[in-house]
Structure formats: C-alpha cells, structure tokens
Amino acid sequence: LTNYFVNTIITALQGPTWQTLLERIGEDAMFHLLVDTSIFVPLPNGCLCQMTGEAIVNLRPP
C-alpha cells in the first residue's frame, strides 16, 4: 500500500499495530477485514473514527 496523498486513515493503517495484525492473521483475513467489515477506533476525545467499510451514515437500519 502506497500513500501518495496525505490521508489519516491510510497513514494509520500503515502503522505498526496494523502490520502486527496482518502478520498474525494473514493476507486473506486482513483483506476481508478491510473490504467486508467496518472497523472503528477510539479517539482521545471519546469519539470513534471509522477506518473501513461503507460510511455508517449511508447504511439503512436493520
């Protein structure tokens, strides 16, 4: 993954924590997480940042 433009999400996904996850679960599982799921991480202000998945505001309620 090459980051040609400043993008906070891509920069975070290139960090050591995500690299460790990739090494532990493998490429297939990581691809599934990044493409087929929504991942949220906590921010210092108590909010959540959506890292992957379709924007939650675009999803219809169940």
PDB file of N, CA and C in Angstrom:
ATOM      1  N   LEU A   1       0.859  -1.172   0.000  1.00  0.00           N
ATOM      2  CA  LEU A   1       0.000   0.000   0.000  1.00  0.00           C
ATOM      3  C   LEU A   1       0.895   1.221   0.000  1.00  0.00           C
ATOM      4  N   THR A   2       0.696   2.100  -0.983  1.00  0.00           N
ATOM      5  CA  THR A   2       1.492   3.314  -1.083  1.00  0.00           C
ATOM      6  C   THR A   2       0.601   4.518  -0.887  1.00  0.00           C
ATOM      7  N   ASN A   3       1.008   5.418  -0.020  1.00  0.00           N
ATOM      8  CA  ASN A   3       0.242   6.606   0.306  1.00  0.00           C
ATOM      9  C   ASN A   3       0.815   7.788  -0.467  1.00  0.00           C
ATOM     10  N   TYR A   4       0.184   8.161  -1.602  1.00  0.00           N
ATOM     11  CA  TYR A   4       0.665   9.270  -2.416  1.00  0.00           C
ATOM     12  C   TYR A   4       0.142  10.619  -1.933  1.00  0.00           C
ATOM     13  N   PHE A   5      -0.973  10.632  -1.234  1.00  0.00           N
ATOM     14  CA  PHE A   5      -1.573  11.858  -0.732  1.00  0.00           C
ATOM     15  C   PHE A   5      -1.770  11.708   0.776  1.00  0.00           C
ATOM     16  N   VAL A   6      -1.740  12.818   1.498  1.00  0.00           N
ATOM     17  CA  VAL A   6      -1.934  12.768   2.938  1.00  0.00           C
ATOM     18  C   VAL A   6      -3.347  12.267   3.219  1.00  0.00           C
ATOM     19  N   ASN A   7      -3.436  11.163   3.936  1.00  0.00           N
ATOM     20  CA  ASN A   7      -4.710  10.555   4.287  1.00  0.00           C
ATOM     21  C   ASN A   7      -4.518   9.914   5.653  1.00  0.00           C
ATOM     22  N   THR A   8      -5.202  10.440   6.638  1.00  0.00           N
ATOM     23  CA  THR A   8      -5.028   9.987   8.019  1.00  0.00           C
ATOM     24  C   THR A   8      -5.326   8.504   8.183  1.00  0.00           C
ATOM     25  N   ILE A   9      -6.367   8.012   7.524  1.00  0.00           N
ATOM     26  CA  ILE A   9      -6.760   6.606   7.655  1.00  0.00           C
ATOM     27  C   ILE A   9      -5.672   5.700   7.077  1.00  0.00           C
ATOM     28  N   ILE A  10      -5.204   6.003   5.877  1.00  0.00           N
ATOM     29  CA  ILE A  10      -4.160   5.188   5.246  1.00  0.00           C
ATOM     30  C   ILE A  10      -2.890   5.227   6.085  1.00  0.00           C
ATOM     31  N   THR A  11      -2.530   6.398   6.566  1.00  0.00           N
ATOM     32  CA  THR A  11      -1.335   6.523   7.408  1.00  0.00           C
ATOM     33  C   THR A  11      -1.465   5.649   8.645  1.00  0.00           C
ATOM     34  N   ALA A  12      -2.635   5.655   9.278  1.00  0.00           N
ATOM     35  CA  ALA A  12      -2.852   4.825  10.465  1.00  0.00           C
ATOM     36  C   ALA A  12      -2.771   3.341  10.123  1.00  0.00           C
ATOM     37  N   LEU A  13      -3.366   2.941   8.987  1.00  0.00           N
ATOM     38  CA  LEU A  13      -3.352   1.532   8.589  1.00  0.00           C
ATOM     39  C   LEU A  13      -1.955   1.033   8.232  1.00  0.00           C
ATOM     40  N   GLN A  14      -1.036   1.938   7.980  1.00  0.00           N
ATOM     41  CA  GLN A  14       0.342   1.557   7.692  1.00  0.00           C
ATOM     42  C   GLN A  14       1.193   1.465   8.956  1.00  0.00           C
ATOM     43  N   GLY A  15       0.598   1.742  10.105  1.00  0.00           N
ATOM     44  CA  GLY A  15       1.331   1.749  11.370  1.00  0.00           C
ATOM     45  C   GLY A  15       1.678   0.354  11.865  1.00  0.00           C
ATOM     46  N   PRO A  16       2.500   0.301  12.891  1.00  0.00           N
ATOM     47  CA  PRO A  16       2.996  -0.977  13.409  1.00  0.00           C
ATOM     48  C   PRO A  16       1.906  -1.887  13.982  1.00  0.00           C
ATOM     49  N   THR A  17       0.865  -1.318  14.553  1.00  0.00           N
ATOM     50  CA  THR A  17      -0.207  -2.144  15.122  1.00  0.00           C
ATOM     51  C   THR A  17      -0.912  -2.935  14.024  1.00  0.00           C
ATOM     52  N   TRP A  18      -1.208  -2.272  12.921  1.00  0.00           N
ATOM     53  CA  TRP A  18      -1.888  -2.940  11.808  1.00  0.00           C
ATOM     54  C   TRP A  18      -0.956  -3.941  11.120  1.00  0.00           C
ATOM     55  N   GLN A  19       0.342  -3.620  11.072  1.00  0.00           N
ATOM     56  CA  GLN A  19       1.316  -4.556  10.499  1.00  0.00           C
ATOM     57  C   GLN A  19       1.381  -5.831  11.328  1.00  0.00           C
ATOM     58  N   THR A  20       1.350  -5.684  12.648  1.00  0.00           N
ATOM     59  CA  THR A  20       1.346  -6.849  13.537  1.00  0.00           C
ATOM     60  C   THR A  20       0.094  -7.687  13.302  1.00  0.00           C
ATOM     61  N   LEU A  21      -1.057  -7.017  13.187  1.00  0.00           N
ATOM     62  CA  LEU A  21      -2.305  -7.738  12.917  1.00  0.00           C
ATOM     63  C   LEU A  21      -2.195  -8.514  11.612  1.00  0.00           C
ATOM     64  N   LEU A  22      -1.684  -7.887  10.568  1.00  0.00           N
ATOM     65  CA  LEU A  22      -1.512  -8.557   9.271  1.00  0.00           C
ATOM     66  C   LEU A  22      -0.624  -9.786   9.412  1.00  0.00           C
ATOM     67  N   GLU A  23       0.478  -9.664  10.128  1.00  0.00           N
ATOM     68  CA  GLU A  23       1.394 -10.788  10.312  1.00  0.00           C
ATOM     69  C   GLU A  23       0.727 -11.940  11.060  1.00  0.00           C
ATOM     70  N   ARG A  24      -0.148 -11.620  11.995  1.00  0.00           N
ATOM     71  CA  ARG A  24      -0.781 -12.651  12.814  1.00  0.00           C
ATOM     72  C   ARG A  24      -1.964 -13.336  12.133  1.00  0.00           C
ATOM     73  N   ILE A  25      -2.750 -12.586  11.338  1.00  0.00           N
ATOM     74  CA  ILE A  25      -3.955 -13.189  10.747  1.00  0.00           C
ATOM     75  C   ILE A  25      -3.793 -13.549   9.282  1.00  0.00           C
ATOM     76  N   GLY A  26      -2.783 -13.007   8.614  1.00  0.00           N
ATOM     77  CA  GLY A  26      -2.540 -13.316   7.213  1.00  0.00           C
ATOM     78  C   GLY A  26      -3.271 -12.373   6.266  1.00  0.00           C
ATOM     79  N   GLU A  27      -2.868 -12.440   5.006  1.00  0.00           N
ATOM     80  CA  GLU A  27      -3.388 -11.520   3.998  1.00  0.00           C
ATOM     81  C   GLU A  27      -4.872 -11.713   3.708  1.00  0.00           C
ATOM     82  N   ASP A  28      -5.322 -12.965   3.627  1.00  0.00           N
ATOM     83  CA  ASP A  28      -6.732 -13.214   3.294  1.00  0.00           C
ATOM     84  C   ASP A  28      -7.665 -12.642   4.354  1.00  0.00           C
ATOM     85  N   ALA A  29      -7.365 -12.895   5.617  1.00  0.00           N
ATOM     86  CA  ALA A  29      -8.206 -12.381   6.696  1.00  0.00           C
ATOM     87  C   ALA A  29      -8.128 -10.855   6.778  1.00  0.00           C
ATOM     88  N   MET A  30      -6.947 -10.305   6.558  1.00  0.00           N
ATOM     89  CA  MET A  30      -6.796  -8.851   6.590  1.00  0.00           C
ATOM     90  C   MET A  30      -7.583  -8.214   5.458  1.00  0.00           C
ATOM     91  N   PHE A  31      -7.520  -8.796   4.292  1.00  0.00           N
ATOM     92  CA  PHE A  31      -8.283  -8.285   3.151  1.00  0.00           C
ATOM     93  C   PHE A  31      -9.773  -8.286   3.482  1.00  0.00           C
ATOM     94  N   HIS A  32     -10.248  -9.383   4.078  1.00  0.00           N
ATOM     95  CA  HIS A  32     -11.655  -9.462   4.475  1.00  0.00           C
ATOM     96  C   HIS A  32     -12.008  -8.337   5.446  1.00  0.00           C
ATOM     97  N   LEU A  33     -11.184  -8.115   6.452  1.00  0.00           N
ATOM     98  CA  LEU A  33     -11.459  -7.051   7.412  1.00  0.00           C
ATOM     99  C   LEU A  33     -11.529  -5.684   6.746  1.00  0.00           C
ATOM    100  N   LEU A  34     -10.597  -5.418   5.852  1.00  0.00           N
ATOM    101  CA  LEU A  34     -10.528  -4.098   5.228  1.00  0.00           C
ATOM    102  C   LEU A  34     -11.626  -3.864   4.203  1.00  0.00           C
ATOM    103  N   VAL A  35     -12.097  -4.922   3.543  1.00  0.00           N
ATOM    104  CA  VAL A  35     -13.056  -4.766   2.450  1.00  0.00           C
ATOM    105  C   VAL A  35     -14.495  -5.048   2.874  1.00  0.00           C
ATOM    106  N   ASP A  36     -14.692  -6.033   3.735  1.00  0.00           N
ATOM    107  CA  ASP A  36     -16.048  -6.512   4.021  1.00  0.00           C
ATOM    108  C   ASP A  36     -16.597  -6.129   5.387  1.00  0.00           C
ATOM    109  N   THR A  37     -15.841  -5.420   6.197  1.00  0.00           N
ATOM    110  CA  THR A  37     -16.317  -5.068   7.532  1.00  0.00           C
ATOM    111  C   THR A  37     -16.116  -3.580   7.785  1.00  0.00           C
ATOM    112  N   SER A  38     -16.701  -3.103   8.848  1.00  0.00           N
ATOM    113  CA  SER A  38     -16.475  -1.735   9.313  1.00  0.00           C
ATOM    114  C   SER A  38     -15.657  -1.821  10.593  1.00  0.00           C
ATOM    115  N   ILE A  39     -14.571  -1.077  10.628  1.00  0.00           N
ATOM    116  CA  ILE A  39     -13.690  -1.056  11.796  1.00  0.00           C
ATOM    117  C   ILE A  39     -13.678   0.368  12.346  1.00  0.00           C
ATOM    118  N   PHE A  40     -13.892   0.484  13.645  1.00  0.00           N
ATOM    119  CA  PHE A  40     -13.880   1.771  14.329  1.00  0.00           C
ATOM    120  C   PHE A  40     -12.787   1.765  15.380  1.00  0.00           C
ATOM    121  N   VAL A  41     -12.085   2.885  15.515  1.00  0.00           N
ATOM    122  CA  VAL A  41     -11.064   3.009  16.553  1.00  0.00           C
ATOM    123  C   VAL A  41     -11.410   4.205  17.434  1.00  0.00           C
ATOM    124  N   PRO A  42     -11.128   4.086  18.737  1.00  0.00           N
ATOM    125  CA  PRO A  42     -11.432   5.205  19.638  1.00  0.00           C
ATOM    126  C   PRO A  42     -10.444   6.349  19.453  1.00  0.00           C
ATOM    127  N   LEU A  43     -10.963   7.561  19.592  1.00  0.00           N
ATOM    128  CA  LEU A  43     -10.143   8.768  19.537  1.00  0.00           C
ATOM    129  C   LEU A  43      -9.970   9.316  20.953  1.00  0.00           C
ATOM    130  N   PRO A  44      -8.954  10.142  21.161  1.00  0.00           N
ATOM    131  CA  PRO A  44      -8.711  10.689  22.501  1.00  0.00           C
ATOM    132  C   PRO A  44      -9.891  11.477  23.079  1.00  0.00           C
ATOM    133  N   ASN A  45     -10.751  12.032  22.210  1.00  0.00           N
ATOM    134  CA  ASN A  45     -11.881  12.832  22.694  1.00  0.00           C
ATOM    135  C   ASN A  45     -13.113  11.988  23.019  1.00  0.00           C
ATOM    136  N   GLY A  46     -12.983  10.657  22.968  1.00  0.00           N
ATOM    137  CA  GLY A  46     -14.089   9.772  23.294  1.00  0.00           C
ATOM    138  C   GLY A  46     -14.960   9.401  22.101  1.00  0.00           C
ATOM    139  N   CYS A  47     -14.705   9.976  20.946  1.00  0.00           N
ATOM    140  CA  CYS A  47     -15.444   9.637  19.733  1.00  0.00           C
ATOM    141  C   CYS A  47     -14.815   8.418  19.066  1.00  0.00           C
ATOM    142  N   LEU A  48     -15.469   7.908  18.037  1.00  0.00           N
ATOM    143  CA  LEU A  48     -14.936   6.802  17.248  1.00  0.00           C
ATOM    144  C   LEU A  48     -14.661   7.279  15.829  1.00  0.00           C
ATOM    145  N   CYS A  49     -13.611   6.757  15.235  1.00  0.00           N
ATOM    146  CA  CYS A  49     -13.274   7.052  13.846  1.00  0.00           C
ATOM    147  C   CYS A  49     -13.471   5.779  13.035  1.00  0.00           C
ATOM    148  N   GLN A  50     -14.263   5.869  11.962  1.00  0.00           N
ATOM    149  CA  GLN A  50     -14.476   4.706  11.111  1.00  0.00           C
ATOM    150  C   GLN A  50     -13.298   4.576  10.159  1.00  0.00           C
ATOM    151  N   MET A  51     -12.590   3.446  10.273  1.00  0.00           N
ATOM    152  CA  MET A  51     -11.400   3.203   9.458  1.00  0.00           C
ATOM    153  C   MET A  51     -11.719   2.516   8.143  1.00  0.00           C
ATOM    154  N   THR A  52     -12.676   1.600   8.162  1.00  0.00           N
ATOM    155  CA  THR A  52     -13.008   0.833   6.963  1.00  0.00           C
ATOM    156  C   THR A  52     -14.512   0.659   6.862  1.00  0.00           C
ATOM    157  N   GLY A  53     -14.951   0.222   5.693  1.00  0.00           N
ATOM    158  CA  GLY A  53     -16.355  -0.091   5.482  1.00  0.00           C
ATOM    159  C   GLY A  53     -17.124   1.062   4.880  1.00  0.00           C
ATOM    160  N   GLU A  54     -18.336   0.730   4.452  1.00  0.00           N
ATOM    161  CA  GLU A  54     -19.223   1.755   3.912  1.00  0.00           C
ATOM    162  C   GLU A  54     -19.549   2.743   5.031  1.00  0.00           C
ATOM    163  N   ALA A  55     -19.596   4.012   4.680  1.00  0.00           N
ATOM    164  CA  ALA A  55     -19.869   5.040   5.690  1.00  0.00           C
ATOM    165  C   ALA A  55     -21.159   4.690   6.444  1.00  0.00           C
ATOM    166  N   ILE A  56     -21.072   4.714   7.747  1.00  0.00           N
ATOM    167  CA  ILE A  56     -22.197   4.294   8.573  1.00  0.00           C
ATOM    168  C   ILE A  56     -23.436   5.168   8.322  1.00  0.00           C
ATOM    169  N   VAL A  57     -23.229   6.405   7.928  1.00  0.00           N
ATOM    170  CA  VAL A  57     -24.376   7.287   7.654  1.00  0.00           C
ATOM    171  C   VAL A  57     -25.135   6.856   6.410  1.00  0.00           C
ATOM    172  N   ASN A  58     -24.510   6.037   5.562  1.00  0.00           N
ATOM    173  CA  ASN A  58     -25.167   5.550   4.342  1.00  0.00           C
ATOM    174  C   ASN A  58     -25.897   4.229   4.541  1.00  0.00           C
ATOM    175  N   LEU A  59     -25.739   3.601   5.700  1.00  0.00           N
ATOM    176  CA  LEU A  59     -26.362   2.296   5.937  1.00  0.00           C
ATOM    177  C   LEU A  59     -27.806   2.459   6.395  1.00  0.00           C
ATOM    178  N   ARG A  60     -28.647   1.551   5.945  1.00  0.00           N
ATOM    179  CA  ARG A  60     -30.028   1.528   6.376  1.00  0.00           C
ATOM    180  C   ARG A  60     -30.130   0.760   7.686  1.00  0.00           C
ATOM    181  N   PRO A  61     -31.007   1.191   8.591  1.00  0.00           N
ATOM    182  CA  PRO A  61     -31.176   0.449   9.847  1.00  0.00           C
ATOM    183  C   PRO A  61     -31.709  -0.949   9.577  1.00  0.00           C
ATOM    184  N   PRO A  62     -31.369  -1.909  10.460  1.00  0.00           N
ATOM    185  CA  PRO A  62     -31.850  -3.277  10.265  1.00  0.00           C
ATOM    186  C   PRO A  62     -33.355  -3.384  10.480  1.00  0.00           C
TER     187      PRO A  62
END
